[in-house]
Every structure is written in C-alpha cells, then in structure tokens.
Amino acid sequence: MYTRAWWTFVIAGPVIIAMVIIGAALGIDAWFAGFASVILAFLLIAVGCVLGLAQLAARRRSVARA
C-alpha cells in the first residue's frame, strides 16, 4: 500500500527544503524550526527511497514467479 506512494515522500523532501529556503529569504527567523524541517525532509527522502526499493524488489519477485 505505502510502497505505491514512494515517490510522494521523495518529492516532499525537496519541497520542504525549498520552503525553508524561501522562508529564510523572506526574513523568517526560526532557525530551529528550519533545522527540524530540513532533518524531516532528509528522513522523508530516505523513507521514499527505501519504499521505492521495496516496491522494485516486490515487482521483480512477482515477475520471477510468473
């Protein structure tokens, strides 16, 4: 179920990082929130990559059985 939506996690990471950069450029001074957001973004990218690899492995396993 979640492996089908792996790409949304991978896309969400750079979008969050871009939002932090735009917020910093606009003068929002919340360094802790920005730091936490960037850490979350990297975690989302990692989760998306793991789910994508899991989907790829499941797909190859189903093709090998056929």
C-alpha atoms as a PDB file:
ATOM      1  CA  MET A   1       0.000   0.000   0.000  1.00  0.00           C
ATOM      2  CA  TYR A   2       2.594   2.580   1.057  1.00  0.00           C
ATOM      3  CA  THR A   3       5.101   1.338  -1.486  1.00  0.00           C
ATOM      4  CA  ARG A   4       2.925   2.663  -4.303  1.00  0.00           C
ATOM      5  CA  ALA A   5       3.248   6.196  -2.938  1.00  0.00           C
ATOM      6  CA  TRP A   6       7.041   6.134  -2.509  1.00  0.00           C
ATOM      7  CA  TRP A   7       7.526   8.973  -4.942  1.00  0.00           C
ATOM      8  CA  THR A   8       5.437  11.367  -2.824  1.00  0.00           C
ATOM      9  CA  PHE A   9       7.929  11.009   0.024  1.00  0.00           C
ATOM     10  CA  VAL A  10      10.841  11.644  -2.334  1.00  0.00           C
ATOM     11  CA  ILE A  11       9.155  14.773  -3.740  1.00  0.00           C
ATOM     12  CA  ALA A  12       8.093  16.083  -0.319  1.00  0.00           C
ATOM     13  CA  GLY A  13      11.705  16.320   0.879  1.00  0.00           C
ATOM     14  CA  PRO A  14      12.970  18.866  -1.657  1.00  0.00           C
ATOM     15  CA  VAL A  15       9.702  20.803  -1.417  1.00  0.00           C
ATOM     16  CA  ILE A  16      10.159  21.203   2.342  1.00  0.00           C
ATOM     17  CA  ILE A  17      13.773  22.276   1.856  1.00  0.00           C
ATOM     18  CA  ALA A  18      12.688  24.826  -0.753  1.00  0.00           C
ATOM     19  CA  MET A  19      10.062  26.185   1.635  1.00  0.00           C
ATOM     20  CA  VAL A  20      12.699  26.625   4.348  1.00  0.00           C
ATOM     21  CA  ILE A  21      14.986  28.468   1.916  1.00  0.00           C
ATOM     22  CA  ILE A  22      12.143  30.725   0.752  1.00  0.00           C
ATOM     23  CA  GLY A  23      11.149  31.409   4.359  1.00  0.00           C
ATOM     24  CA  ALA A  24      14.713  32.326   5.247  1.00  0.00           C
ATOM     25  CA  ALA A  25      14.922  34.631   2.235  1.00  0.00           C
ATOM     26  CA  LEU A  26      11.723  36.369   3.347  1.00  0.00           C
ATOM     27  CA  GLY A  27      13.291  37.075   6.714  1.00  0.00           C
ATOM     28  CA  ILE A  28      11.588  34.474   8.891  1.00  0.00           C
ATOM     29  CA  ASP A  29      13.952  33.963  11.806  1.00  0.00           C
ATOM     30  CA  ALA A  30      13.086  30.500  13.080  1.00  0.00           C
ATOM     31  CA  TRP A  31      16.338  28.595  12.785  1.00  0.00           C
ATOM     32  CA  PHE A  32      15.252  25.692  14.993  1.00  0.00           C
ATOM     33  CA  ALA A  33      12.070  25.102  13.002  1.00  0.00           C
ATOM     34  CA  GLY A  34      14.068  25.355   9.785  1.00  0.00           C
ATOM     35  CA  PHE A  35      16.670  22.910  11.037  1.00  0.00           C
ATOM     36  CA  ALA A  36      13.998  20.444  12.173  1.00  0.00           C
ATOM     37  CA  SER A  37      12.234  20.791   8.817  1.00  0.00           C
ATOM     38  CA  VAL A  38      15.409  20.040   6.871  1.00  0.00           C
ATOM     39  CA  ILE A  39      16.095  16.962   9.032  1.00  0.00           C
ATOM     40  CA  LEU A  40      12.498  15.831   8.410  1.00  0.00           C
ATOM     41  CA  ALA A  41      12.986  16.411   4.682  1.00  0.00           C
ATOM     42  CA  PHE A  42      16.068  14.183   4.610  1.00  0.00           C
ATOM     43  CA  LEU A  43      14.190  11.492   6.521  1.00  0.00           C
ATOM     44  CA  LEU A  44      11.301  11.658   4.057  1.00  0.00           C
ATOM     45  CA  ILE A  45      13.684  11.294   1.128  1.00  0.00           C
ATOM     46  CA  ALA A  46      15.306   8.273   2.792  1.00  0.00           C
ATOM     47  CA  VAL A  47      11.925   6.669   3.527  1.00  0.00           C
ATOM     48  CA  GLY A  48      10.835   7.262  -0.063  1.00  0.00           C
ATOM     49  CA  CYS A  49      13.992   5.622  -1.401  1.00  0.00           C
ATOM     50  CA  VAL A  50      13.555   2.590   0.858  1.00  0.00           C
ATOM     51  CA  LEU A  51       9.904   2.218  -0.153  1.00  0.00           C
ATOM     52  CA  GLY A  52      10.835   2.565  -3.824  1.00  0.00           C
ATOM     53  CA  LEU A  53      13.431  -0.167  -3.485  1.00  0.00           C
ATOM     54  CA  ALA A  54      10.900  -2.356  -1.663  1.00  0.00           C
ATOM     55  CA  GLN A  55       8.418  -1.907  -4.491  1.00  0.00           C
ATOM     56  CA  LEU A  56      11.101  -2.696  -7.054  1.00  0.00           C
ATOM     57  CA  ALA A  57      12.071  -5.878  -5.191  1.00  0.00           C
ATOM     58  CA  ALA A  58       8.426  -6.950  -4.876  1.00  0.00           C
ATOM     59  CA  ARG A  59       7.849  -6.328  -8.561  1.00  0.00           C
ATOM     60  CA  ARG A  60      10.929  -8.340  -9.552  1.00  0.00           C
ATOM     61  CA  ARG A  61       9.878 -11.151  -7.233  1.00  0.00           C
ATOM     62  CA  SER A  62       6.413 -11.313  -8.810  1.00  0.00           C
ATOM     63  CA  VAL A  63       7.889 -11.316 -12.326  1.00  0.00           C
ATOM     64  CA  ALA A  64      10.307 -14.110 -11.401  1.00  0.00           C
ATOM     65  CA  ARG A  65       7.414 -16.270 -10.172  1.00  0.00           C
ATOM     66  CA  ALA A  66       5.412 -15.852 -13.369  1.00  0.00           C
END
